[in-house]
Amino acid sequence: MDYTAFQLCSRGFFEKWGDGMHRSKDNLQVLEPADEPVTLTRVTPNRRIQIVFWGLRAYIVVMVVLVIIGFARGMH
């Protein structure tokens, strides 16, 4: 069955099919605060990823230097 845009956007359609947009926030789960803090561990990235990030840092430094040179030459 084909529905018109009005039928799809009307509240009755969503209530009938239950997409969750009409539900209240009463059913949210409330968690108690933890007594002890959770210790987080660091992930050691792959060697290739480290190289890519160092390359990205170098690229950013080169771009900043070029922008500074551009501003310095444009001031005259």
PDB file of N, CA and C in Angstrom:
ATOM      1  N   MET A   1       0.845  -1.163   0.000  1.00  0.00           N
ATOM      2  CA  MET A   1       0.000   0.000   0.000  1.00  0.00           C
ATOM      3  C   MET A   1       0.895   1.232   0.000  1.00  0.00           C
ATOM      4  N   ASP A   2       0.575   2.189  -0.830  1.00  0.00           N
ATOM      5  CA  ASP A   2       1.334   3.428  -0.914  1.00  0.00           C
ATOM      6  C   ASP A   2       0.750   4.447   0.051  1.00  0.00           C
ATOM      7  N   TYR A   3       1.644   5.163   0.753  1.00  0.00           N
ATOM      8  CA  TYR A   3       1.230   6.197   1.680  1.00  0.00           C
ATOM      9  C   TYR A   3       1.621   7.546   1.130  1.00  0.00           C
ATOM     10  N   THR A   4       0.793   8.543   1.444  1.00  0.00           N
ATOM     11  CA  THR A   4       1.142   9.904   1.060  1.00  0.00           C
ATOM     12  C   THR A   4       2.142  10.451   2.075  1.00  0.00           C
ATOM     13  N   ALA A   5       2.775  11.575   1.722  1.00  0.00           N
ATOM     14  CA  ALA A   5       3.748  12.187   2.631  1.00  0.00           C
ATOM     15  C   ALA A   5       3.070  12.604   3.932  1.00  0.00           C
ATOM     16  N   PHE A   6       1.848  13.070   3.850  1.00  0.00           N
ATOM     17  CA  PHE A   6       1.142  13.470   5.063  1.00  0.00           C
ATOM     18  C   PHE A   6       0.898  12.275   5.969  1.00  0.00           C
ATOM     19  N   GLN A   7       0.524  11.144   5.389  1.00  0.00           N
ATOM     20  CA  GLN A   7       0.278   9.952   6.197  1.00  0.00           C
ATOM     21  C   GLN A   7       1.567   9.455   6.849  1.00  0.00           C
ATOM     22  N   LEU A   8       2.686   9.548   6.149  1.00  0.00           N
ATOM     23  CA  LEU A   8       3.942   9.085   6.709  1.00  0.00           C
ATOM     24  C   LEU A   8       4.419   9.994   7.838  1.00  0.00           C
ATOM     25  N   CYS A   9       4.121  11.294   7.739  1.00  0.00           N
ATOM     26  CA  CYS A   9       4.602  12.244   8.737  1.00  0.00           C
ATOM     27  C   CYS A   9       3.623  12.459   9.875  1.00  0.00           C
ATOM     28  N   SER A  10       2.434  11.918   9.768  1.00  0.00           N
ATOM     29  CA  SER A  10       1.446  12.157  10.820  1.00  0.00           C
ATOM     30  C   SER A  10       1.789  11.332  12.050  1.00  0.00           C
ATOM     31  N   ARG A  11       1.377  11.818  13.203  1.00  0.00           N
ATOM     32  CA  ARG A  11       1.687  11.152  14.468  1.00  0.00           C
ATOM     33  C   ARG A  11       1.038   9.771  14.544  1.00  0.00           C
ATOM     34  N   GLY A  12      -0.113   9.616  13.986  1.00  0.00           N
ATOM     35  CA  GLY A  12      -0.810   8.335  14.044  1.00  0.00           C
ATOM     36  C   GLY A  12      -0.025   7.224  13.376  1.00  0.00           C
ATOM     37  N   PHE A  13       0.658   7.523  12.288  1.00  0.00           N
ATOM     38  CA  PHE A  13       1.453   6.498  11.602  1.00  0.00           C
ATOM     39  C   PHE A  13       2.590   6.011  12.489  1.00  0.00           C
ATOM     40  N   PHE A  14       3.282   6.954  13.140  1.00  0.00           N
ATOM     41  CA  PHE A  14       4.411   6.567  13.969  1.00  0.00           C
ATOM     42  C   PHE A  14       3.959   5.817  15.216  1.00  0.00           C
ATOM     43  N   GLU A  15       2.821   6.216  15.779  1.00  0.00           N
ATOM     44  CA  GLU A  15       2.313   5.484  16.935  1.00  0.00           C
ATOM     45  C   GLU A  15       1.909   4.069  16.543  1.00  0.00           C
ATOM     46  N   LYS A  16       1.319   3.937  15.362  1.00  0.00           N
ATOM     47  CA  LYS A  16       0.873   2.622  14.924  1.00  0.00           C
ATOM     48  C   LYS A  16       2.048   1.690  14.662  1.00  0.00           C
ATOM     49  N   TRP A  17       3.101   2.195  14.017  1.00  0.00           N
ATOM     50  CA  TRP A  17       4.220   1.347  13.652  1.00  0.00           C
ATOM     51  C   TRP A  17       5.339   1.362  14.685  1.00  0.00           C
ATOM     52  N   GLY A  18       5.295   2.292  15.637  1.00  0.00           N
ATOM     53  CA  GLY A  18       6.204   2.274  16.772  1.00  0.00           C
ATOM     54  C   GLY A  18       7.663   2.468  16.419  1.00  0.00           C
ATOM     55  N   ASP A  19       8.021   3.623  15.870  1.00  0.00           N
ATOM     56  CA  ASP A  19       9.422   3.858  15.537  1.00  0.00           C
ATOM     57  C   ASP A  19      10.209   4.374  16.731  1.00  0.00           C
ATOM     58  N   GLY A  20       9.560   4.623  17.861  1.00  0.00           N
ATOM     59  CA  GLY A  20      10.258   5.051  19.049  1.00  0.00           C
ATOM     60  C   GLY A  20      10.299   6.553  19.241  1.00  0.00           C
ATOM     61  N   MET A  21       9.827   7.332  18.283  1.00  0.00           N
ATOM     62  CA  MET A  21       9.903   8.780  18.415  1.00  0.00           C
ATOM     63  C   MET A  21       8.865   9.311  19.391  1.00  0.00           C
ATOM     64  N   HIS A  22       7.784   8.584  19.618  1.00  0.00           N
ATOM     65  CA  HIS A  22       6.732   9.063  20.499  1.00  0.00           C
ATOM     66  C   HIS A  22       6.910   8.573  21.923  1.00  0.00           C
ATOM     67  N   ARG A  23       7.898   7.758  22.182  1.00  0.00           N
ATOM     68  CA  ARG A  23       8.094   7.210  23.512  1.00  0.00           C
ATOM     69  C   ARG A  23       8.640   8.268  24.461  1.00  0.00           C
ATOM     70  N   SER A  24       8.287   8.114  25.714  1.00  0.00           N
ATOM     71  CA  SER A  24       8.809   9.050  26.710  1.00  0.00           C
ATOM     72  C   SER A  24      10.180   8.579  27.177  1.00  0.00           C
ATOM     73  N   LYS A  25      10.838   9.402  27.969  1.00  0.00           N
ATOM     74  CA  LYS A  25      12.169   9.059  28.448  1.00  0.00           C
ATOM     75  C   LYS A  25      12.119   8.296  29.773  1.00  0.00           C
ATOM     76  N   ASP A  26      10.948   7.797  30.137  1.00  0.00           N
ATOM     77  CA  ASP A  26      10.812   7.085  31.407  1.00  0.00           C
ATOM     78  C   ASP A  26      11.530   5.747  31.412  1.00  0.00           C
ATOM     79  N   ASN A  27      11.758   5.164  30.254  1.00  0.00           N
ATOM     80  CA  ASN A  27      12.332   3.834  30.209  1.00  0.00           C
ATOM     81  C   ASN A  27      13.855   3.846  30.065  1.00  0.00           C
ATOM     82  N   LEU A  28      14.515   4.981  30.360  1.00  0.00           N
ATOM     83  CA  LEU A  28      15.959   5.033  30.290  1.00  0.00           C
ATOM     84  C   LEU A  28      16.554   4.343  31.506  1.00  0.00           C
ATOM     85  N   GLN A  29      17.670   3.668  31.316  1.00  0.00           N
ATOM     86  CA  GLN A  29      18.320   2.968  32.414  1.00  0.00           C
ATOM     87  C   GLN A  29      19.202   3.946  33.186  1.00  0.00           C
ATOM     88  N   VAL A  30      19.046   3.979  34.488  1.00  0.00           N
ATOM     89  CA  VAL A  30      19.836   4.856  35.340  1.00  0.00           C
ATOM     90  C   VAL A  30      20.896   4.001  36.018  1.00  0.00           C
ATOM     91  N   LEU A  31      22.159   4.394  35.862  1.00  0.00           N
ATOM     92  CA  LEU A  31      23.258   3.653  36.460  1.00  0.00           C
ATOM     93  C   LEU A  31      23.742   4.361  37.711  1.00  0.00           C
ATOM     94  N   GLU A  32      24.072   3.572  38.715  1.00  0.00           N
ATOM     95  CA  GLU A  32      24.629   4.137  39.940  1.00  0.00           C
ATOM     96  C   GLU A  32      26.091   4.492  39.698  1.00  0.00           C
ATOM     97  N   PRO A  33      26.603   5.544  40.342  1.00  0.00           N
ATOM     98  CA  PRO A  33      28.018   5.884  40.163  1.00  0.00           C
ATOM     99  C   PRO A  33      28.919   4.789  40.731  1.00  0.00           C
ATOM    100  N   ALA A  34      30.030   4.568  40.067  1.00  0.00           N
ATOM    101  CA  ALA A  34      30.960   3.518  40.487  1.00  0.00           C
ATOM    102  C   ALA A  34      31.762   4.002  41.690  1.00  0.00           C
ATOM    103  N   ASP A  35      32.050   3.080  42.609  1.00  0.00           N
ATOM    104  CA  ASP A  35      32.843   3.420  43.790  1.00  0.00           C
ATOM    105  C   ASP A  35      34.302   3.624  43.430  1.00  0.00           C
ATOM    106  N   GLU A  36      34.827   2.776  42.555  1.00  0.00           N
ATOM    107  CA  GLU A  36      36.230   2.843  42.176  1.00  0.00           C
ATOM    108  C   GLU A  36      36.343   3.346  40.743  1.00  0.00           C
ATOM    109  N   PRO A  37      37.315   4.216  40.471  1.00  0.00           N
ATOM    110  CA  PRO A  37      37.491   4.658  39.082  1.00  0.00           C
ATOM    111  C   PRO A  37      38.016   3.517  38.213  1.00  0.00           C
ATOM    112  N   VAL A  38      37.631   3.531  36.981  1.00  0.00           N
ATOM    113  CA  VAL A  38      38.055   2.508  36.040  1.00  0.00           C
ATOM    114  C   VAL A  38      39.407   2.918  35.468  1.00  0.00           C
ATOM    115  N   THR A  39      40.366   2.009  35.510  1.00  0.00           N
ATOM    116  CA  THR A  39      41.677   2.319  34.946  1.00  0.00           C
ATOM    117  C   THR A  39      41.635   2.100  33.441  1.00  0.00           C
ATOM    118  N   LEU A  40      42.138   3.071  32.715  1.00  0.00           N
ATOM    119  CA  LEU A  40      42.155   3.000  31.262  1.00  0.00           C
ATOM    120  C   LEU A  40      43.544   2.619  30.794  1.00  0.00           C
ATOM    121  N   THR A  41      43.606   1.841  29.746  1.00  0.00           N
ATOM    122  CA  THR A  41      44.886   1.452  29.173  1.00  0.00           C
ATOM    123  C   THR A  41      45.056   2.126  27.821  1.00  0.00           C
ATOM    124  N   ARG A  42      46.292   2.431  27.504  1.00  0.00           N
ATOM    125  CA  ARG A  42      46.585   3.046  26.207  1.00  0.00           C
ATOM    126  C   ARG A  42      46.852   1.952  25.186  1.00  0.00           C
ATOM    127  N   VAL A  43      46.424   2.202  23.987  1.00  0.00           N
ATOM    128  CA  VAL A  43      46.679   1.285  22.888  1.00  0.00           C
ATOM    129  C   VAL A  43      47.932   1.765  22.169  1.00  0.00           C
ATOM    130  N   THR A  44      48.873   0.881  21.945  1.00  0.00           N
ATOM    131  CA  THR A  44      50.057   1.269  21.183  1.00  0.00           C
ATOM    132  C   THR A  44      49.740   1.103  19.702  1.00  0.00           C
ATOM    133  N   PRO A  45      49.809   2.199  18.953  1.00  0.00           N
ATOM    134  CA  PRO A  45      49.437   2.115  17.540  1.00  0.00           C
ATOM    135  C   PRO A  45      50.470   1.338  16.730  1.00  0.00           C
ATOM    136  N   ASN A  46      50.031   0.874  15.602  1.00  0.00           N
ATOM    137  CA  ASN A  46      50.870   0.156  14.661  1.00  0.00           C
ATOM    138  C   ASN A  46      52.001   1.074  14.178  1.00  0.00           C
ATOM    139  N   ARG A  47      53.115   0.509  13.773  1.00  0.00           N
ATOM    140  CA  ARG A  47      54.260   1.318  13.330  1.00  0.00           C
ATOM    141  C   ARG A  47      53.893   2.168  12.111  1.00  0.00           C
ATOM    142  N   ARG A  48      53.107   1.606  11.204  1.00  0.00           N
ATOM    143  CA  ARG A  48      52.690   2.363  10.017  1.00  0.00           C
ATOM    144  C   ARG A  48      51.852   3.567  10.405  1.00  0.00           C
ATOM    145  N   ILE A  49      50.987   3.397  11.377  1.00  0.00           N
ATOM    146  CA  ILE A  49      50.134   4.500  11.809  1.00  0.00           C
ATOM    147  C   ILE A  49      50.972   5.587  12.473  1.00  0.00           C
ATOM    148  N   GLN A  50      51.980   5.196  13.233  1.00  0.00           N
ATOM    149  CA  GLN A  50      52.872   6.181  13.840  1.00  0.00           C
ATOM    150  C   GLN A  50      53.581   7.000  12.761  1.00  0.00           C
ATOM    151  N   ILE A  51      54.031   6.330  11.709  1.00  0.00           N
ATOM    152  CA  ILE A  51      54.720   7.022  10.617  1.00  0.00           C
ATOM    153  C   ILE A  51      53.772   7.996   9.916  1.00  0.00           C
ATOM    154  N   VAL A  52      52.544   7.566   9.699  1.00  0.00           N
ATOM    155  CA  VAL A  52      51.557   8.434   9.040  1.00  0.00           C
ATOM    156  C   VAL A  52      51.292   9.674   9.891  1.00  0.00           C
ATOM    157  N   PHE A  53      51.156   9.499  11.194  1.00  0.00           N
ATOM    158  CA  PHE A  53      50.883  10.653  12.047  1.00  0.00           C
ATOM    159  C   PHE A  53      52.081  11.590  12.138  1.00  0.00           C
ATOM    160  N   TRP A  54      53.312  11.044  12.137  1.00  0.00           N
ATOM    161  CA  TRP A  54      54.480  11.932  12.112  1.00  0.00           C
ATOM    162  C   TRP A  54      54.550  12.692  10.790  1.00  0.00           C
ATOM    163  N   GLY A  55      54.183  12.034   9.700  1.00  0.00           N
ATOM    164  CA  GLY A  55      54.121  12.715   8.412  1.00  0.00           C
ATOM    165  C   GLY A  55      53.073  13.813   8.411  1.00  0.00           C
ATOM    166  N   LEU A  56      51.937  13.563   9.047  1.00  0.00           N
ATOM    167  CA  LEU A  56      50.889  14.574   9.145  1.00  0.00           C
ATOM    168  C   LEU A  56      51.364  15.767   9.968  1.00  0.00           C
ATOM    169  N   ARG A  57      52.088  15.504  11.045  1.00  0.00           N
ATOM    170  CA  ARG A  57      52.625  16.597  11.853  1.00  0.00           C
ATOM    171  C   ARG A  57      53.621  17.434  11.049  1.00  0.00           C
ATOM    172  N   ALA A  58      54.484  16.767  10.304  1.00  0.00           N
ATOM    173  CA  ALA A  58      55.461  17.485   9.478  1.00  0.00           C
ATOM    174  C   ALA A  58      54.752  18.321   8.418  1.00  0.00           C
ATOM    175  N   TYR A  59      53.706  17.777   7.808  1.00  0.00           N
ATOM    176  CA  TYR A  59      52.933  18.502   6.804  1.00  0.00           C
ATOM    177  C   TYR A  59      52.318  19.763   7.405  1.00  0.00           C
ATOM    178  N   ILE A  60      51.762  19.642   8.609  1.00  0.00           N
ATOM    179  CA  ILE A  60      51.149  20.791   9.263  1.00  0.00           C
ATOM    180  C   ILE A  60      52.193  21.865   9.543  1.00  0.00           C
ATOM    181  N   VAL A  61      53.378  21.461  10.013  1.00  0.00           N
ATOM    182  CA  VAL A  61      54.433  22.430  10.289  1.00  0.00           C
ATOM    183  C   VAL A  61      54.850  23.147   9.010  1.00  0.00           C
ATOM    184  N   VAL A  62      55.014  22.399   7.914  1.00  0.00           N
ATOM    185  CA  VAL A  62      55.398  23.008   6.633  1.00  0.00           C
ATOM    186  C   VAL A  62      54.318  23.988   6.179  1.00  0.00           C
ATOM    187  N   MET A  63      53.048  23.628   6.312  1.00  0.00           N
ATOM    188  CA  MET A  63      51.970  24.524   5.891  1.00  0.00           C
ATOM    189  C   MET A  63      51.941  25.787   6.740  1.00  0.00           C
ATOM    190  N   VAL A  64      52.172  25.683   8.037  1.00  0.00           N
ATOM    191  CA  VAL A  64      52.189  26.860   8.900  1.00  0.00           C
ATOM    192  C   VAL A  64      53.344  27.776   8.513  1.00  0.00           C
ATOM    193  N   VAL A  65      54.512  27.200   8.224  1.00  0.00           N
ATOM    194  CA  VAL A  65      55.666  27.999   7.806  1.00  0.00           C
ATOM    195  C   VAL A  65      55.365  28.708   6.492  1.00  0.00           C
ATOM    196  N   LEU A  66      54.745  28.021   5.546  1.00  0.00           N
ATOM    197  CA  LEU A  66      54.409  28.655   4.270  1.00  0.00           C
ATOM    198  C   LEU A  66      53.384  29.775   4.443  1.00  0.00           C
ATOM    199  N   VAL A  67      52.445  29.602   5.336  1.00  0.00           N
ATOM    200  CA  VAL A  67      51.462  30.659   5.591  1.00  0.00           C
ATOM    201  C   VAL A  67      52.140  31.870   6.211  1.00  0.00           C
ATOM    202  N   ILE A  68      53.065  31.629   7.144  1.00  0.00           N
ATOM    203  CA  ILE A  68      53.795  32.745   7.757  1.00  0.00           C
ATOM    204  C   ILE A  68      54.628  33.476   6.707  1.00  0.00           C
ATOM    205  N   ILE A  69      55.293  32.738   5.847  1.00  0.00           N
ATOM    206  CA  ILE A  69      56.072  33.366   4.762  1.00  0.00           C
ATOM    207  C   ILE A  69      55.158  34.177   3.852  1.00  0.00           C
ATOM    208  N   GLY A  70      54.001  33.615   3.530  1.00  0.00           N
ATOM    209  CA  GLY A  70      53.036  34.315   2.673  1.00  0.00           C
ATOM    210  C   GLY A  70      52.549  35.603   3.288  1.00  0.00           C
ATOM    211  N   PHE A  71      52.249  35.583   4.581  1.00  0.00           N
ATOM    212  CA  PHE A  71      51.823  36.807   5.253  1.00  0.00           C
ATOM    213  C   PHE A  71      52.944  37.824   5.333  1.00  0.00           C
ATOM    214  N   ALA A  72      54.167  37.344   5.591  1.00  0.00           N
ATOM    215  CA  ALA A  72      55.291  38.261   5.690  1.00  0.00           C
ATOM    216  C   ALA A  72      55.582  38.941   4.357  1.00  0.00           C
ATOM    217  N   ARG A  73      55.481  38.217   3.269  1.00  0.00           N
ATOM    218  CA  ARG A  73      55.748  38.800   1.947  1.00  0.00           C
ATOM    219  C   ARG A  73      54.583  39.675   1.495  1.00  0.00           C
ATOM    220  N   GLY A  74      53.397  39.359   1.941  1.00  0.00           N
ATOM    221  CA  GLY A  74      52.228  40.145   1.533  1.00  0.00           C
ATOM    222  C   GLY A  74      52.093  41.461   2.271  1.00  0.00           C
ATOM    223  N   MET A  75      52.794  41.631   3.354  1.00  0.00           N
ATOM    224  CA  MET A  75      52.702  42.866   4.127  1.00  0.00           C
ATOM    225  C   MET A  75      53.376  44.039   3.431  1.00  0.00           C
ATOM    226  N   HIS A  76      54.342  43.794   2.602  1.00  0.00           N
ATOM    227  CA  HIS A  76      55.120  44.889   1.970  1.00  0.00           C
ATOM    228  C   HIS A  76      54.332  45.576   0.897  1.00  0.00           C
TER     229      HIS A  76
END
